[in-house]
Amino acid sequence: MFDLDMFTDGLGLLLKGKLFLDSAFVFRQAILGILIGAFALVCLGKLGVPMTFAVPAAALFAGMLQPLLFKDIKFR
């Protein structure tokens, strides 16, 4: 069900900078996703939406953006 060897190999490649062809692109897209999620949370908070609804809604929105942000990732 969960392959620990594959996880540790992937993590090792990520930390060495050898998992992605363009690591800067991946980190830039991740930062963009985090900023969009934070912006959605702040906007919902400013609208007076209770935090018990705003946090899951912003997380869902940011999570739905991930496939769009990471569609062009190239692996080694």
PDB file of N, CA and C in Angstrom:
ATOM      1  N   MET A   1       0.827  -1.188   0.000  1.00  0.00           N
ATOM      2  CA  MET A   1       0.000   0.000   0.000  1.00  0.00           C
ATOM      3  C   MET A   1       0.875   1.255   0.000  1.00  0.00           C
ATOM      4  N   PHE A   2       1.830   1.346   0.899  1.00  0.00           N
ATOM      5  CA  PHE A   2       2.734   2.486   0.957  1.00  0.00           C
ATOM      6  C   PHE A   2       4.148   1.962   0.842  1.00  0.00           C
ATOM      7  N   ASP A   3       4.812   2.334  -0.231  1.00  0.00           N
ATOM      8  CA  ASP A   3       6.168   1.847  -0.486  1.00  0.00           C
ATOM      9  C   ASP A   3       7.168   2.820   0.134  1.00  0.00           C
ATOM     10  N   LEU A   4       7.716   2.454   1.269  1.00  0.00           N
ATOM     11  CA  LEU A   4       8.641   3.312   1.997  1.00  0.00           C
ATOM     12  C   LEU A   4       9.927   3.553   1.212  1.00  0.00           C
ATOM     13  N   ASP A   5      10.400   2.539   0.489  1.00  0.00           N
ATOM     14  CA  ASP A   5      11.632   2.701  -0.294  1.00  0.00           C
ATOM     15  C   ASP A   5      11.448   3.740  -1.397  1.00  0.00           C
ATOM     16  N   MET A   6      10.309   3.699  -2.064  1.00  0.00           N
ATOM     17  CA  MET A   6      10.055   4.665  -3.129  1.00  0.00           C
ATOM     18  C   MET A   6       9.965   6.080  -2.545  1.00  0.00           C
ATOM     19  N   PHE A   7       9.349   6.195  -1.388  1.00  0.00           N
ATOM     20  CA  PHE A   7       9.240   7.500  -0.734  1.00  0.00           C
ATOM     21  C   PHE A   7      10.609   8.039  -0.351  1.00  0.00           C
ATOM     22  N   THR A   8      11.430   7.223   0.258  1.00  0.00           N
ATOM     23  CA  THR A   8      12.756   7.692   0.684  1.00  0.00           C
ATOM     24  C   THR A   8      13.654   7.987  -0.518  1.00  0.00           C
ATOM     25  N   ASP A   9      13.542   7.190  -1.584  1.00  0.00           N
ATOM     26  CA  ASP A   9      14.319   7.467  -2.797  1.00  0.00           C
ATOM     27  C   ASP A   9      13.895   8.799  -3.408  1.00  0.00           C
ATOM     28  N   GLY A  10      12.598   9.025  -3.502  1.00  0.00           N
ATOM     29  CA  GLY A  10      12.095  10.287  -4.049  1.00  0.00           C
ATOM     30  C   GLY A  10      12.479  11.477  -3.192  1.00  0.00           C
ATOM     31  N   LEU A  11      12.407  11.311  -1.890  1.00  0.00           N
ATOM     32  CA  LEU A  11      12.802  12.392  -0.979  1.00  0.00           C
ATOM     33  C   LEU A  11      14.288  12.688  -1.095  1.00  0.00           C
ATOM     34  N   GLY A  12      15.086  11.641  -1.204  1.00  0.00           N
ATOM     35  CA  GLY A  12      16.532  11.832  -1.371  1.00  0.00           C
ATOM     36  C   GLY A  12      16.865  12.576  -2.656  1.00  0.00           C
ATOM     37  N   LEU A  13      16.192  12.218  -3.756  1.00  0.00           N
ATOM     38  CA  LEU A  13      16.409  12.918  -5.020  1.00  0.00           C
ATOM     39  C   LEU A  13      15.944  14.371  -4.936  1.00  0.00           C
ATOM     40  N   LEU A  14      14.841  14.602  -4.239  1.00  0.00           N
ATOM     41  CA  LEU A  14      14.337  15.967  -4.082  1.00  0.00           C
ATOM     42  C   LEU A  14      15.338  16.822  -3.313  1.00  0.00           C
ATOM     43  N   LEU A  15      15.860  16.285  -2.225  1.00  0.00           N
ATOM     44  CA  LEU A  15      16.795  17.043  -1.406  1.00  0.00           C
ATOM     45  C   LEU A  15      18.133  17.272  -2.112  1.00  0.00           C
ATOM     46  N   LYS A  16      18.515  16.362  -2.991  1.00  0.00           N
ATOM     47  CA  LYS A  16      19.756  16.534  -3.754  1.00  0.00           C
ATOM     48  C   LYS A  16      19.558  17.456  -4.958  1.00  0.00           C
ATOM     49  N   GLY A  17      18.296  17.767  -5.282  1.00  0.00           N
ATOM     50  CA  GLY A  17      18.013  18.610  -6.440  1.00  0.00           C
ATOM     51  C   GLY A  17      18.024  17.857  -7.751  1.00  0.00           C
ATOM     52  N   LYS A  18      17.824  16.537  -7.704  1.00  0.00           N
ATOM     53  CA  LYS A  18      17.898  15.725  -8.917  1.00  0.00           C
ATOM     54  C   LYS A  18      16.558  15.109  -9.305  1.00  0.00           C
ATOM     55  N   LEU A  19      15.458  15.500  -8.654  1.00  0.00           N
ATOM     56  CA  LEU A  19      14.161  14.898  -8.968  1.00  0.00           C
ATOM     57  C   LEU A  19      13.507  15.588 -10.158  1.00  0.00           C
ATOM     58  N   PHE A  20      13.588  16.899 -10.200  1.00  0.00           N
ATOM     59  CA  PHE A  20      12.939  17.667 -11.262  1.00  0.00           C
ATOM     60  C   PHE A  20      13.973  18.205 -12.231  1.00  0.00           C
ATOM     61  N   LEU A  21      13.569  18.349 -13.479  1.00  0.00           N
ATOM     62  CA  LEU A  21      14.457  18.906 -14.486  1.00  0.00           C
ATOM     63  C   LEU A  21      14.743  20.372 -14.201  1.00  0.00           C
ATOM     64  N   ASP A  22      13.713  21.112 -13.761  1.00  0.00           N
ATOM     65  CA  ASP A  22      13.865  22.534 -13.434  1.00  0.00           C
ATOM     66  C   ASP A  22      13.286  22.761 -12.038  1.00  0.00           C
ATOM     67  N   SER A  23      14.122  22.618 -11.023  1.00  0.00           N
ATOM     68  CA  SER A  23      13.669  22.750  -9.637  1.00  0.00           C
ATOM     69  C   SER A  23      13.163  24.152  -9.329  1.00  0.00           C
ATOM     70  N   ALA A  24      13.752  25.158  -9.955  1.00  0.00           N
ATOM     71  CA  ALA A  24      13.317  26.535  -9.712  1.00  0.00           C
ATOM     72  C   ALA A  24      11.871  26.728 -10.154  1.00  0.00           C
ATOM     73  N   PHE A  25      11.486  26.112 -11.264  1.00  0.00           N
ATOM     74  CA  PHE A  25      10.107  26.202 -11.740  1.00  0.00           C
ATOM     75  C   PHE A  25       9.149  25.572 -10.740  1.00  0.00           C
ATOM     76  N   VAL A  26       9.510  24.415 -10.213  1.00  0.00           N
ATOM     77  CA  VAL A  26       8.654  23.702  -9.259  1.00  0.00           C
ATOM     78  C   VAL A  26       8.473  24.534  -7.989  1.00  0.00           C
ATOM     79  N   PHE A  27       9.557  25.088  -7.459  1.00  0.00           N
ATOM     80  CA  PHE A  27       9.453  25.876  -6.236  1.00  0.00           C
ATOM     81  C   PHE A  27       8.707  27.186  -6.486  1.00  0.00           C
ATOM     82  N   ARG A  28       8.893  27.781  -7.656  1.00  0.00           N
ATOM     83  CA  ARG A  28       8.165  29.004  -8.002  1.00  0.00           C
ATOM     84  C   ARG A  28       6.654  28.729  -8.066  1.00  0.00           C
ATOM     85  N   GLN A  29       6.269  27.623  -8.678  1.00  0.00           N
ATOM     86  CA  GLN A  29       4.860  27.268  -8.765  1.00  0.00           C
ATOM     87  C   GLN A  29       4.288  26.939  -7.381  1.00  0.00           C
ATOM     88  N   ALA A  30       5.075  26.300  -6.530  1.00  0.00           N
ATOM     89  CA  ALA A  30       4.616  25.995  -5.173  1.00  0.00           C
ATOM     90  C   ALA A  30       4.388  27.280  -4.378  1.00  0.00           C
ATOM     91  N   ILE A  31       5.306  28.231  -4.496  1.00  0.00           N
ATOM     92  CA  ILE A  31       5.142  29.518  -3.806  1.00  0.00           C
ATOM     93  C   ILE A  31       3.914  30.242  -4.334  1.00  0.00           C
ATOM     94  N   LEU A  32       3.700  30.190  -5.646  1.00  0.00           N
ATOM     95  CA  LEU A  32       2.519  30.820  -6.236  1.00  0.00           C
ATOM     96  C   LEU A  32       1.241  30.207  -5.671  1.00  0.00           C
ATOM     97  N   GLY A  33       1.201  28.888  -5.553  1.00  0.00           N
ATOM     98  CA  GLY A  33       0.032  28.216  -4.987  1.00  0.00           C
ATOM     99  C   GLY A  33      -0.209  28.602  -3.535  1.00  0.00           C
ATOM    100  N   ILE A  34       0.865  28.705  -2.760  1.00  0.00           N
ATOM    101  CA  ILE A  34       0.748  29.108  -1.355  1.00  0.00           C
ATOM    102  C   ILE A  34       0.218  30.535  -1.256  1.00  0.00           C
ATOM    103  N   LEU A  35       0.739  31.426  -2.089  1.00  0.00           N
ATOM    104  CA  LEU A  35       0.285  32.821  -2.061  1.00  0.00           C
ATOM    105  C   LEU A  35      -1.175  32.961  -2.481  1.00  0.00           C
ATOM    106  N   ILE A  36      -1.597  32.209  -3.475  1.00  0.00           N
ATOM    107  CA  ILE A  36      -2.993  32.259  -3.910  1.00  0.00           C
ATOM    108  C   ILE A  36      -3.906  31.741  -2.796  1.00  0.00           C
ATOM    109  N   GLY A  37      -3.502  30.660  -2.135  1.00  0.00           N
ATOM    110  CA  GLY A  37      -4.298  30.134  -1.019  1.00  0.00           C
ATOM    111  C   GLY A  37      -4.378  31.118   0.135  1.00  0.00           C
ATOM    112  N   ALA A  38      -3.250  31.766   0.454  1.00  0.00           N
ATOM    113  CA  ALA A  38      -3.247  32.762   1.529  1.00  0.00           C
ATOM    114  C   ALA A  38      -4.111  33.966   1.158  1.00  0.00           C
ATOM    115  N   PHE A  39      -4.045  34.392  -0.108  1.00  0.00           N
ATOM    116  CA  PHE A  39      -4.873  35.507  -0.570  1.00  0.00           C
ATOM    117  C   PHE A  39      -6.361  35.155  -0.469  1.00  0.00           C
ATOM    118  N   ALA A  40      -6.718  33.931  -0.840  1.00  0.00           N
ATOM    119  CA  ALA A  40      -8.117  33.496  -0.737  1.00  0.00           C
ATOM    120  C   ALA A  40      -8.565  33.492   0.723  1.00  0.00           C
ATOM    121  N   LEU A  41      -7.693  33.048   1.620  1.00  0.00           N
ATOM    122  CA  LEU A  41      -8.031  33.027   3.044  1.00  0.00           C
ATOM    123  C   LEU A  41      -8.239  34.442   3.576  1.00  0.00           C
ATOM    124  N   VAL A  42      -7.348  35.353   3.211  1.00  0.00           N
ATOM    125  CA  VAL A  42      -7.464  36.737   3.673  1.00  0.00           C
ATOM    126  C   VAL A  42      -8.745  37.372   3.117  1.00  0.00           C
ATOM    127  N   CYS A  43      -9.034  37.125   1.849  1.00  0.00           N
ATOM    128  CA  CYS A  43     -10.251  37.685   1.249  1.00  0.00           C
ATOM    129  C   CYS A  43     -11.512  37.158   1.938  1.00  0.00           C
ATOM    130  N   LEU A  44     -11.539  35.872   2.203  1.00  0.00           N
ATOM    131  CA  LEU A  44     -12.699  35.311   2.904  1.00  0.00           C
ATOM    132  C   LEU A  44     -12.798  35.876   4.318  1.00  0.00           C
ATOM    133  N   GLY A  45     -11.668  36.069   4.981  1.00  0.00           N
ATOM    134  CA  GLY A  45     -11.675  36.662   6.319  1.00  0.00           C
ATOM    135  C   GLY A  45     -12.180  38.092   6.296  1.00  0.00           C
ATOM    136  N   LYS A  46     -11.760  38.863   5.291  1.00  0.00           N
ATOM    137  CA  LYS A  46     -12.216  40.257   5.170  1.00  0.00           C
ATOM    138  C   LYS A  46     -13.708  40.342   4.859  1.00  0.00           C
ATOM    139  N   LEU A  47     -14.237  39.325   4.215  1.00  0.00           N
ATOM    140  CA  LEU A  47     -15.673  39.297   3.917  1.00  0.00           C
ATOM    141  C   LEU A  47     -16.511  38.915   5.136  1.00  0.00           C
ATOM    142  N   GLY A  48     -15.849  38.550   6.218  1.00  0.00           N
ATOM    143  CA  GLY A  48     -16.557  38.212   7.446  1.00  0.00           C
ATOM    144  C   GLY A  48     -16.964  36.756   7.547  1.00  0.00           C
ATOM    145  N   VAL A  49     -16.388  35.923   6.689  1.00  0.00           N
ATOM    146  CA  VAL A  49     -16.686  34.490   6.734  1.00  0.00           C
ATOM    147  C   VAL A  49     -15.995  33.902   7.957  1.00  0.00           C
ATOM    148  N   PRO A  50     -16.698  33.096   8.747  1.00  0.00           N
ATOM    149  CA  PRO A  50     -16.069  32.484   9.925  1.00  0.00           C
ATOM    150  C   PRO A  50     -14.857  31.627   9.525  1.00  0.00           C
ATOM    151  N   MET A  51     -13.825  31.655  10.354  1.00  0.00           N
ATOM    152  CA  MET A  51     -12.596  30.935  10.044  1.00  0.00           C
ATOM    153  C   MET A  51     -12.815  29.429   9.935  1.00  0.00           C
ATOM    154  N   THR A  52     -13.836  28.901  10.612  1.00  0.00           N
ATOM    155  CA  THR A  52     -14.103  27.466  10.515  1.00  0.00           C
ATOM    156  C   THR A  52     -14.571  27.083   9.110  1.00  0.00           C
ATOM    157  N   PHE A  53     -15.047  28.047   8.342  1.00  0.00           N
ATOM    158  CA  PHE A  53     -15.411  27.801   6.949  1.00  0.00           C
ATOM    159  C   PHE A  53     -14.336  28.315   5.995  1.00  0.00           C
ATOM    160  N   ALA A  54     -13.717  29.447   6.335  1.00  0.00           N
ATOM    161  CA  ALA A  54     -12.761  30.100   5.437  1.00  0.00           C
ATOM    162  C   ALA A  54     -11.505  29.256   5.226  1.00  0.00           C
ATOM    163  N   VAL A  55     -10.996  28.651   6.277  1.00  0.00           N
ATOM    164  CA  VAL A  55      -9.760  27.867   6.157  1.00  0.00           C
ATOM    165  C   VAL A  55      -9.964  26.645   5.261  1.00  0.00           C
ATOM    166  N   PRO A  56     -10.991  25.820   5.491  1.00  0.00           N
ATOM    167  CA  PRO A  56     -11.173  24.683   4.571  1.00  0.00           C
ATOM    168  C   PRO A  56     -11.495  25.121   3.141  1.00  0.00           C
ATOM    169  N   ALA A  57     -12.246  26.214   2.980  1.00  0.00           N
ATOM    170  CA  ALA A  57     -12.580  26.681   1.639  1.00  0.00           C
ATOM    171  C   ALA A  57     -11.334  27.162   0.899  1.00  0.00           C
ATOM    172  N   ALA A  58     -10.467  27.907   1.561  1.00  0.00           N
ATOM    173  CA  ALA A  58      -9.230  28.379   0.930  1.00  0.00           C
ATOM    174  C   ALA A  58      -8.304  27.200   0.624  1.00  0.00           C
ATOM    175  N   ALA A  59      -8.238  26.232   1.524  1.00  0.00           N
ATOM    176  CA  ALA A  59      -7.399  25.053   1.290  1.00  0.00           C
ATOM    177  C   ALA A  59      -7.926  24.237   0.113  1.00  0.00           C
ATOM    178  N   LEU A  60      -9.229  24.095   0.016  1.00  0.00           N
ATOM    179  CA  LEU A  60      -9.824  23.375  -1.105  1.00  0.00           C
ATOM    180  C   LEU A  60      -9.536  24.094  -2.417  1.00  0.00           C
ATOM    181  N   PHE A  61      -9.684  25.419  -2.418  1.00  0.00           N
ATOM    182  CA  PHE A  61      -9.413  26.217  -3.608  1.00  0.00           C
ATOM    183  C   PHE A  61      -7.951  26.087  -4.032  1.00  0.00           C
ATOM    184  N   ALA A  62      -7.040  26.220  -3.077  1.00  0.00           N
ATOM    185  CA  ALA A  62      -5.615  26.113  -3.389  1.00  0.00           C
ATOM    186  C   ALA A  62      -5.269  24.695  -3.850  1.00  0.00           C
ATOM    187  N   GLY A  63      -5.877  23.702  -3.242  1.00  0.00           N
ATOM    188  CA  GLY A  63      -5.634  22.318  -3.655  1.00  0.00           C
ATOM    189  C   GLY A  63      -6.143  22.023  -5.046  1.00  0.00           C
ATOM    190  N   MET A  64      -7.244  22.655  -5.417  1.00  0.00           N
ATOM    191  CA  MET A  64      -7.782  22.468  -6.760  1.00  0.00           C
ATOM    192  C   MET A  64      -6.900  23.129  -7.821  1.00  0.00           C
ATOM    193  N   LEU A  65      -6.115  24.125  -7.429  1.00  0.00           N
ATOM    194  CA  LEU A  65      -5.210  24.786  -8.365  1.00  0.00           C
ATOM    195  C   LEU A  65      -3.933  23.989  -8.626  1.00  0.00           C
ATOM    196  N   GLN A  66      -3.592  23.065  -7.747  1.00  0.00           N
ATOM    197  CA  GLN A  66      -2.326  22.352  -7.857  1.00  0.00           C
ATOM    198  C   GLN A  66      -2.144  21.631  -9.198  1.00  0.00           C
ATOM    199  N   PRO A  67      -3.139  20.917  -9.711  1.00  0.00           N
ATOM    200  CA  PRO A  67      -2.927  20.266 -11.016  1.00  0.00           C
ATOM    201  C   PRO A  67      -2.645  21.269 -12.136  1.00  0.00           C
ATOM    202  N   LEU A  68      -3.253  22.434 -12.065  1.00  0.00           N
ATOM    203  CA  LEU A  68      -2.998  23.455 -13.079  1.00  0.00           C
ATOM    204  C   LEU A  68      -1.601  24.041 -12.938  1.00  0.00           C
ATOM    205  N   LEU A  69      -1.175  24.256 -11.706  1.00  0.00           N
ATOM    206  CA  LEU A  69       0.140  24.834 -11.472  1.00  0.00           C
ATOM    207  C   LEU A  69       1.274  23.868 -11.823  1.00  0.00           C
ATOM    208  N   PHE A  70       1.063  22.586 -11.587  1.00  0.00           N
ATOM    209  CA  PHE A  70       2.120  21.607 -11.752  1.00  0.00           C
ATOM    210  C   PHE A  70       1.967  20.732 -12.989  1.00  0.00           C
ATOM    211  N   LYS A  71       1.181  21.168 -13.963  1.00  0.00           N
ATOM    212  CA  LYS A  71       0.955  20.325 -15.145  1.00  0.00           C
ATOM    213  C   LYS A  71       2.176  20.230 -16.052  1.00  0.00           C
ATOM    214  N   ASP A  72       3.084  21.190 -15.984  1.00  0.00           N
ATOM    215  CA  ASP A  72       4.229  21.221 -16.885  1.00  0.00           C
ATOM    216  C   ASP A  72       5.533  20.763 -16.227  1.00  0.00           C
ATOM    217  N   ILE A  73       5.444  20.068 -15.113  1.00  0.00           N
ATOM    218  CA  ILE A  73       6.650  19.595 -14.424  1.00  0.00           C
ATOM    219  C   ILE A  73       7.302  18.476 -15.227  1.00  0.00           C
ATOM    220  N   LYS A  74       8.597  18.566 -15.355  1.00  0.00           N
ATOM    221  CA  LYS A  74       9.365  17.522 -16.025  1.00  0.00           C
ATOM    222  C   LYS A  74      10.279  16.865 -14.999  1.00  0.00           C
ATOM    223  N   PHE A  75      10.240  15.533 -14.976  1.00  0.00           N
ATOM    224  CA  PHE A  75      11.081  14.774 -14.053  1.00  0.00           C
ATOM    225  C   PHE A  75      12.314  14.263 -14.786  1.00  0.00           C
ATOM    226  N   ARG A  76      13.360  13.971 -14.024  1.00  0.00           N
ATOM    227  CA  ARG A  76      14.572  13.391 -14.608  1.00  0.00           C
ATOM    228  C   ARG A  76      14.429  11.895 -14.724  1.00  0.00           C
TER     229      ARG A  76
END
